[in-house]
Amino acid sequence: MKKYIIEHLANNSSTLSIAFINGKSHTFCAVVDEIPDSPNLIELKLSDEQYVVLVNIDQVCYINHRS
């Protein structure tokens, strides 16, 4: 369910902030790849649009978005 929410918000809002269980948080701007073979992984583009990050959905503890 988290993966669907992240995909939907990343594609329909200007920024998506995600906090992880390790205490770090990052802001993303788009889904790059949904990785259907790995249901717990998703590739997201950082808001600076320079880097793509592989995110483990199981490590996500908070999602915030701005439209």
PDB file of N, CA and C in Angstrom:
ATOM      1  N   MET A   1       0.815  -1.194   0.000  1.00  0.00           N
ATOM      2  CA  MET A   1       0.000   0.000   0.000  1.00  0.00           C
ATOM      3  C   MET A   1       0.864   1.266   0.000  1.00  0.00           C
ATOM      4  N   LYS A   2       1.970   1.251   0.775  1.00  0.00           N
ATOM      5  CA  LYS A   2       2.854   2.421   0.808  1.00  0.00           C
ATOM      6  C   LYS A   2       3.401   2.730  -0.578  1.00  0.00           C
ATOM      7  N   LYS A   3       3.739   1.673  -1.322  1.00  0.00           N
ATOM      8  CA  LYS A   3       4.313   1.876  -2.655  1.00  0.00           C
ATOM      9  C   LYS A   3       3.307   2.590  -3.559  1.00  0.00           C
ATOM     10  N   TYR A   4       2.052   2.171  -3.531  1.00  0.00           N
ATOM     11  CA  TYR A   4       1.020   2.809  -4.344  1.00  0.00           C
ATOM     12  C   TYR A   4       0.862   4.274  -3.949  1.00  0.00           C
ATOM     13  N   ILE A   5       0.833   4.554  -2.650  1.00  0.00           N
ATOM     14  CA  ILE A   5       0.680   5.931  -2.171  1.00  0.00           C
ATOM     15  C   ILE A   5       1.852   6.790  -2.622  1.00  0.00           C
ATOM     16  N   ILE A   6       3.065   6.272  -2.484  1.00  0.00           N
ATOM     17  CA  ILE A   6       4.253   7.028  -2.900  1.00  0.00           C
ATOM     18  C   ILE A   6       4.223   7.296  -4.398  1.00  0.00           C
ATOM     19  N   GLU A   7       3.908   6.276  -5.198  1.00  0.00           N
ATOM     20  CA  GLU A   7       3.833   6.452  -6.649  1.00  0.00           C
ATOM     21  C   GLU A   7       2.794   7.507  -7.015  1.00  0.00           C
ATOM     22  N   HIS A   8       1.626   7.407  -6.422  1.00  0.00           N
ATOM     23  CA  HIS A   8       0.539   8.345  -6.735  1.00  0.00           C
ATOM     24  C   HIS A   8       0.911   9.776  -6.351  1.00  0.00           C
ATOM     25  N   LEU A   9       1.417   9.968  -5.138  1.00  0.00           N
ATOM     26  CA  LEU A   9       1.764  11.316  -4.684  1.00  0.00           C
ATOM     27  C   LEU A   9       2.938  11.891  -5.464  1.00  0.00           C
ATOM     28  N   ALA A  10       3.930  11.074  -5.768  1.00  0.00           N
ATOM     29  CA  ALA A  10       5.092  11.570  -6.511  1.00  0.00           C
ATOM     30  C   ALA A  10       4.703  12.007  -7.917  1.00  0.00           C
ATOM     31  N   ASN A  11       3.737  11.349  -8.505  1.00  0.00           N
ATOM     32  CA  ASN A  11       3.319  11.695  -9.862  1.00  0.00           C
ATOM     33  C   ASN A  11       2.283  12.811  -9.904  1.00  0.00           C
ATOM     34  N   ASN A  12       1.665  13.133  -8.759  1.00  0.00           N
ATOM     35  CA  ASN A  12       0.585  14.120  -8.750  1.00  0.00           C
ATOM     36  C   ASN A  12       0.834  15.309  -7.835  1.00  0.00           C
ATOM     37  N   SER A  13       2.048  15.488  -7.372  1.00  0.00           N
ATOM     38  CA  SER A  13       2.368  16.639  -6.526  1.00  0.00           C
ATOM     39  C   SER A  13       3.726  17.187  -6.928  1.00  0.00           C
ATOM     40  N   SER A  14       4.024  18.392  -6.480  1.00  0.00           N
ATOM     41  CA  SER A  14       5.292  19.006  -6.867  1.00  0.00           C
ATOM     42  C   SER A  14       6.468  18.427  -6.093  1.00  0.00           C
ATOM     43  N   THR A  15       6.280  18.134  -4.810  1.00  0.00           N
ATOM     44  CA  THR A  15       7.339  17.504  -4.023  1.00  0.00           C
ATOM     45  C   THR A  15       6.747  16.486  -3.063  1.00  0.00           C
ATOM     46  N   LEU A  16       7.548  15.514  -2.735  1.00  0.00           N
ATOM     47  CA  LEU A  16       7.161  14.449  -1.834  1.00  0.00           C
ATOM     48  C   LEU A  16       8.288  14.249  -0.837  1.00  0.00           C
ATOM     49  N   SER A  17       8.015  14.505   0.432  1.00  0.00           N
ATOM     50  CA  SER A  17       9.023  14.317   1.475  1.00  0.00           C
ATOM     51  C   SER A  17       8.767  12.988   2.167  1.00  0.00           C
ATOM     52  N   ILE A  18       9.836  12.220   2.327  1.00  0.00           N
ATOM     53  CA  ILE A  18       9.728  10.912   2.962  1.00  0.00           C
ATOM     54  C   ILE A  18      10.713  10.843   4.118  1.00  0.00           C
ATOM     55  N   ALA A  19      10.218  10.436   5.281  1.00  0.00           N
ATOM     56  CA  ALA A  19      11.072  10.192   6.444  1.00  0.00           C
ATOM     57  C   ALA A  19      11.256   8.684   6.574  1.00  0.00           C
ATOM     58  N   PHE A  20      12.461   8.296   6.938  1.00  0.00           N
ATOM     59  CA  PHE A  20      12.799   6.885   7.041  1.00  0.00           C
ATOM     60  C   PHE A  20      13.008   6.486   8.497  1.00  0.00           C
ATOM     61  N   ILE A  21      12.972   5.183   8.764  1.00  0.00           N
ATOM     62  CA  ILE A  21      13.083   4.708  10.141  1.00  0.00           C
ATOM     63  C   ILE A  21      14.455   4.991  10.749  1.00  0.00           C
ATOM     64  N   ASN A  22      15.453   5.326   9.926  1.00  0.00           N
ATOM     65  CA  ASN A  22      16.776   5.663  10.461  1.00  0.00           C
ATOM     66  C   ASN A  22      16.869   7.134  10.874  1.00  0.00           C
ATOM     67  N   GLY A  23      15.753   7.878  10.761  1.00  0.00           N
ATOM     68  CA  GLY A  23      15.720   9.276  11.182  1.00  0.00           C
ATOM     69  C   GLY A  23      16.025  10.277  10.084  1.00  0.00           C
ATOM     70  N   LYS A  24      16.443   9.828   8.922  1.00  0.00           N
ATOM     71  CA  LYS A  24      16.743  10.732   7.809  1.00  0.00           C
ATOM     72  C   LYS A  24      15.483  10.977   6.995  1.00  0.00           C
ATOM     73  N   SER A  25      15.476  12.105   6.274  1.00  0.00           N
ATOM     74  CA  SER A  25      14.367  12.386   5.364  1.00  0.00           C
ATOM     75  C   SER A  25      14.914  13.027   4.099  1.00  0.00           C
ATOM     76  N   HIS A  26      14.207  12.813   3.003  1.00  0.00           N
ATOM     77  CA  HIS A  26      14.608  13.355   1.710  1.00  0.00           C
ATOM     78  C   HIS A  26      13.363  13.823   0.972  1.00  0.00           C
ATOM     79  N   THR A  27      13.560  14.756   0.041  1.00  0.00           N
ATOM     80  CA  THR A  27      12.468  15.270  -0.776  1.00  0.00           C
ATOM     81  C   THR A  27      12.669  14.794  -2.209  1.00  0.00           C
ATOM     82  N   PHE A  28      11.607  14.274  -2.785  1.00  0.00           N
ATOM     83  CA  PHE A  28      11.645  13.712  -4.132  1.00  0.00           C
ATOM     84  C   PHE A  28      10.663  14.454  -5.026  1.00  0.00           C
ATOM     85  N   CYS A  29      10.868  14.322  -6.345  1.00  0.00           N
ATOM     86  CA  CYS A  29       9.989  15.032  -7.279  1.00  0.00           C
ATOM     87  C   CYS A  29       9.313  14.125  -8.295  1.00  0.00           C
ATOM     88  N   ALA A  30       9.761  12.874  -8.449  1.00  0.00           N
ATOM     89  CA  ALA A  30       9.144  12.012  -9.456  1.00  0.00           C
ATOM     90  C   ALA A  30       9.533  10.555  -9.254  1.00  0.00           C
ATOM     91  N   VAL A  31       8.664   9.664  -9.738  1.00  0.00           N
ATOM     92  CA  VAL A  31       8.981   8.241  -9.786  1.00  0.00           C
ATOM     93  C   VAL A  31       9.757   7.996 -11.069  1.00  0.00           C
ATOM     94  N   VAL A  32      10.873   7.301 -10.960  1.00  0.00           N
ATOM     95  CA  VAL A  32      11.671   6.973 -12.136  1.00  0.00           C
ATOM     96  C   VAL A  32      11.316   5.577 -12.633  1.00  0.00           C
ATOM     97  N   ASP A  33      11.253   4.627 -11.710  1.00  0.00           N
ATOM     98  CA  ASP A  33      10.949   3.247 -12.080  1.00  0.00           C
ATOM     99  C   ASP A  33      10.213   2.576 -10.927  1.00  0.00           C
ATOM    100  N   GLU A  34       9.207   1.793 -11.256  1.00  0.00           N
ATOM    101  CA  GLU A  34       8.399   1.141 -10.227  1.00  0.00           C
ATOM    102  C   GLU A  34       8.944  -0.217  -9.803  1.00  0.00           C
ATOM    103  N   ILE A  35       9.862  -0.812 -10.560  1.00  0.00           N
ATOM    104  CA  ILE A  35      10.503  -2.097 -10.280  1.00  0.00           C
ATOM    105  C   ILE A  35       9.464  -3.166  -9.896  1.00  0.00           C
ATOM    106  N   PRO A  36       8.676  -3.619 -10.860  1.00  0.00           N
ATOM    107  CA  PRO A  36       7.606  -4.580 -10.570  1.00  0.00           C
ATOM    108  C   PRO A  36       8.103  -5.910 -10.000  1.00  0.00           C
ATOM    109  N   ASP A  37       9.346  -6.299 -10.301  1.00  0.00           N
ATOM    110  CA  ASP A  37       9.883  -7.561  -9.784  1.00  0.00           C
ATOM    111  C   ASP A  37      10.178  -7.500  -8.292  1.00  0.00           C
ATOM    112  N   SER A  38      10.344  -6.299  -7.752  1.00  0.00           N
ATOM    113  CA  SER A  38      10.646  -6.113  -6.329  1.00  0.00           C
ATOM    114  C   SER A  38       9.591  -5.197  -5.717  1.00  0.00           C
ATOM    115  N   PRO A  39       8.570  -5.760  -5.106  1.00  0.00           N
ATOM    116  CA  PRO A  39       7.470  -4.936  -4.591  1.00  0.00           C
ATOM    117  C   PRO A  39       7.871  -3.970  -3.479  1.00  0.00           C
ATOM    118  N   ASN A  40       9.025  -4.168  -2.856  1.00  0.00           N
ATOM    119  CA  ASN A  40       9.450  -3.281  -1.768  1.00  0.00           C
ATOM    120  C   ASN A  40      10.385  -2.173  -2.231  1.00  0.00           C
ATOM    121  N   LEU A  41      10.718  -2.121  -3.521  1.00  0.00           N
ATOM    122  CA  LEU A  41      11.659  -1.127  -4.025  1.00  0.00           C
ATOM    123  C   LEU A  41      11.006  -0.213  -5.053  1.00  0.00           C
ATOM    124  N   ILE A  42      11.443   1.039  -5.043  1.00  0.00           N
ATOM    125  CA  ILE A  42      10.980   2.022  -6.023  1.00  0.00           C
ATOM    126  C   ILE A  42      12.113   3.020  -6.249  1.00  0.00           C
ATOM    127  N   GLU A  43      12.301   3.440  -7.484  1.00  0.00           N
ATOM    128  CA  GLU A  43      13.311   4.453  -7.788  1.00  0.00           C
ATOM    129  C   GLU A  43      12.643   5.816  -7.846  1.00  0.00           C
ATOM    130  N   LEU A  44      13.161   6.757  -7.052  1.00  0.00           N
ATOM    131  CA  LEU A  44      12.623   8.113  -7.017  1.00  0.00           C
ATOM    132  C   LEU A  44      13.714   9.110  -7.342  1.00  0.00           C
ATOM    133  N   LYS A  45      13.327  10.190  -8.014  1.00  0.00           N
ATOM    134  CA  LYS A  45      14.267  11.256  -8.344  1.00  0.00           C
ATOM    135  C   LYS A  45      14.251  12.283  -7.224  1.00  0.00           C
ATOM    136  N   LEU A  46      15.439  12.627  -6.703  1.00  0.00           N
ATOM    137  CA  LEU A  46      15.539  13.652  -5.666  1.00  0.00           C
ATOM    138  C   LEU A  46      15.078  14.988  -6.216  1.00  0.00           C
ATOM    139  N   SER A  47      14.621  15.872  -5.354  1.00  0.00           N
ATOM    140  CA  SER A  47      14.045  17.146  -5.787  1.00  0.00           C
ATOM    141  C   SER A  47      15.043  18.037  -6.515  1.00  0.00           C
ATOM    142  N   ASP A  48      16.348  17.819  -6.313  1.00  0.00           N
ATOM    143  CA  ASP A  48      17.335  18.609  -7.060  1.00  0.00           C
ATOM    144  C   ASP A  48      17.463  18.112  -8.498  1.00  0.00           C
ATOM    145  N   GLU A  49      16.777  17.009  -8.812  1.00  0.00           N
ATOM    146  CA  GLU A  49      16.715  16.399 -10.139  1.00  0.00           C
ATOM    147  C   GLU A  49      18.065  15.947 -10.670  1.00  0.00           C
ATOM    148  N   GLN A  50      19.057  15.801  -9.807  1.00  0.00           N
ATOM    149  CA  GLN A  50      20.371  15.337 -10.242  1.00  0.00           C
ATOM    150  C   GLN A  50      20.606  13.864  -9.932  1.00  0.00           C
ATOM    151  N   TYR A  51      19.910  13.347  -8.936  1.00  0.00           N
ATOM    152  CA  TYR A  51      20.168  11.981  -8.500  1.00  0.00           C
ATOM    153  C   TYR A  51      18.888  11.171  -8.441  1.00  0.00           C
ATOM    154  N   VAL A  52      19.039   9.878  -8.692  1.00  0.00           N
ATOM    155  CA  VAL A  52      17.952   8.925  -8.563  1.00  0.00           C
ATOM    156  C   VAL A  52      18.312   7.999  -7.406  1.00  0.00           C
ATOM    157  N   VAL A  53      17.340   7.741  -6.538  1.00  0.00           N
ATOM    158  CA  VAL A  53      17.577   6.955  -5.334  1.00  0.00           C
ATOM    159  C   VAL A  53      16.671   5.729  -5.340  1.00  0.00           C
ATOM    160  N   LEU A  54      17.245   4.596  -4.977  1.00  0.00           N
ATOM    161  CA  LEU A  54      16.469   3.379  -4.811  1.00  0.00           C
ATOM    162  C   LEU A  54      15.940   3.362  -3.377  1.00  0.00           C
ATOM    163  N   VAL A  55      14.620   3.374  -3.221  1.00  0.00           N
ATOM    164  CA  VAL A  55      13.989   3.468  -1.904  1.00  0.00           C
ATOM    165  C   VAL A  55      13.371   2.122  -1.537  1.00  0.00           C
ATOM    166  N   ASN A  56      13.686   1.655  -0.336  1.00  0.00           N
ATOM    167  CA  ASN A  56      13.069   0.452   0.211  1.00  0.00           C
ATOM    168  C   ASN A  56      11.809   0.887   0.959  1.00  0.00           C
ATOM    169  N   ILE A  57      10.663   0.473   0.481  1.00  0.00           N
ATOM    170  CA  ILE A  57       9.381   0.883   1.050  1.00  0.00           C
ATOM    171  C   ILE A  57       9.282   0.503   2.531  1.00  0.00           C
ATOM    172  N   ASP A  58       9.894  -0.605   2.922  1.00  0.00           N
ATOM    173  CA  ASP A  58       9.832  -1.055   4.317  1.00  0.00           C
ATOM    174  C   ASP A  58      10.534  -0.091   5.267  1.00  0.00           C
ATOM    175  N   GLN A  59      11.401   0.776   4.750  1.00  0.00           N
ATOM    176  CA  GLN A  59      12.143   1.724   5.578  1.00  0.00           C
ATOM    177  C   GLN A  59      11.422   3.067   5.730  1.00  0.00           C
ATOM    178  N   VAL A  60      10.292   3.239   5.046  1.00  0.00           N
ATOM    179  CA  VAL A  60       9.538   4.495   5.083  1.00  0.00           C
ATOM    180  C   VAL A  60       8.644   4.525   6.322  1.00  0.00           C
ATOM    181  N   CYS A  61       8.713   5.642   7.079  1.00  0.00           N
ATOM    182  CA  CYS A  61       7.831   5.750   8.247  1.00  0.00           C
ATOM    183  C   CYS A  61       6.889   6.953   8.158  1.00  0.00           C
ATOM    184  N   TYR A  62       7.150   7.912   7.246  1.00  0.00           N
ATOM    185  CA  TYR A  62       6.298   9.103   7.152  1.00  0.00           C
ATOM    186  C   TYR A  62       6.367   9.652   5.738  1.00  0.00           C
ATOM    187  N   ILE A  63       5.217  10.071   5.203  1.00  0.00           N
ATOM    188  CA  ILE A  63       5.140  10.642   3.858  1.00  0.00           C
ATOM    189  C   ILE A  63       4.398  11.969   3.940  1.00  0.00           C
ATOM    190  N   ASN A  64       4.967  12.999   3.311  1.00  0.00           N
ATOM    191  CA  ASN A  64       4.329  14.314   3.265  1.00  0.00           C
ATOM    192  C   ASN A  64       4.455  14.830   1.837  1.00  0.00           C
ATOM    193  N   HIS A  65       3.435  15.523   1.338  1.00  0.00           N
ATOM    194  CA  HIS A  65       3.512  16.032  -0.036  1.00  0.00           C
ATOM    195  C   HIS A  65       3.007  17.458  -0.115  1.00  0.00           C
ATOM    196  N   ARG A  66       3.466  18.124  -1.166  1.00  0.00           N
ATOM    197  CA  ARG A  66       3.016  19.482  -1.471  1.00  0.00           C
ATOM    198  C   ARG A  66       2.591  19.514  -2.927  1.00  0.00           C
ATOM    199  N   SER A  67       1.359  19.982  -3.184  1.00  0.00           N
ATOM    200  CA  SER A  67       0.903  20.023  -4.577  1.00  0.00           C
ATOM    201  C   SER A  67       1.122  21.358  -5.204  1.00  0.00           C
TER     202      SER A  67
END
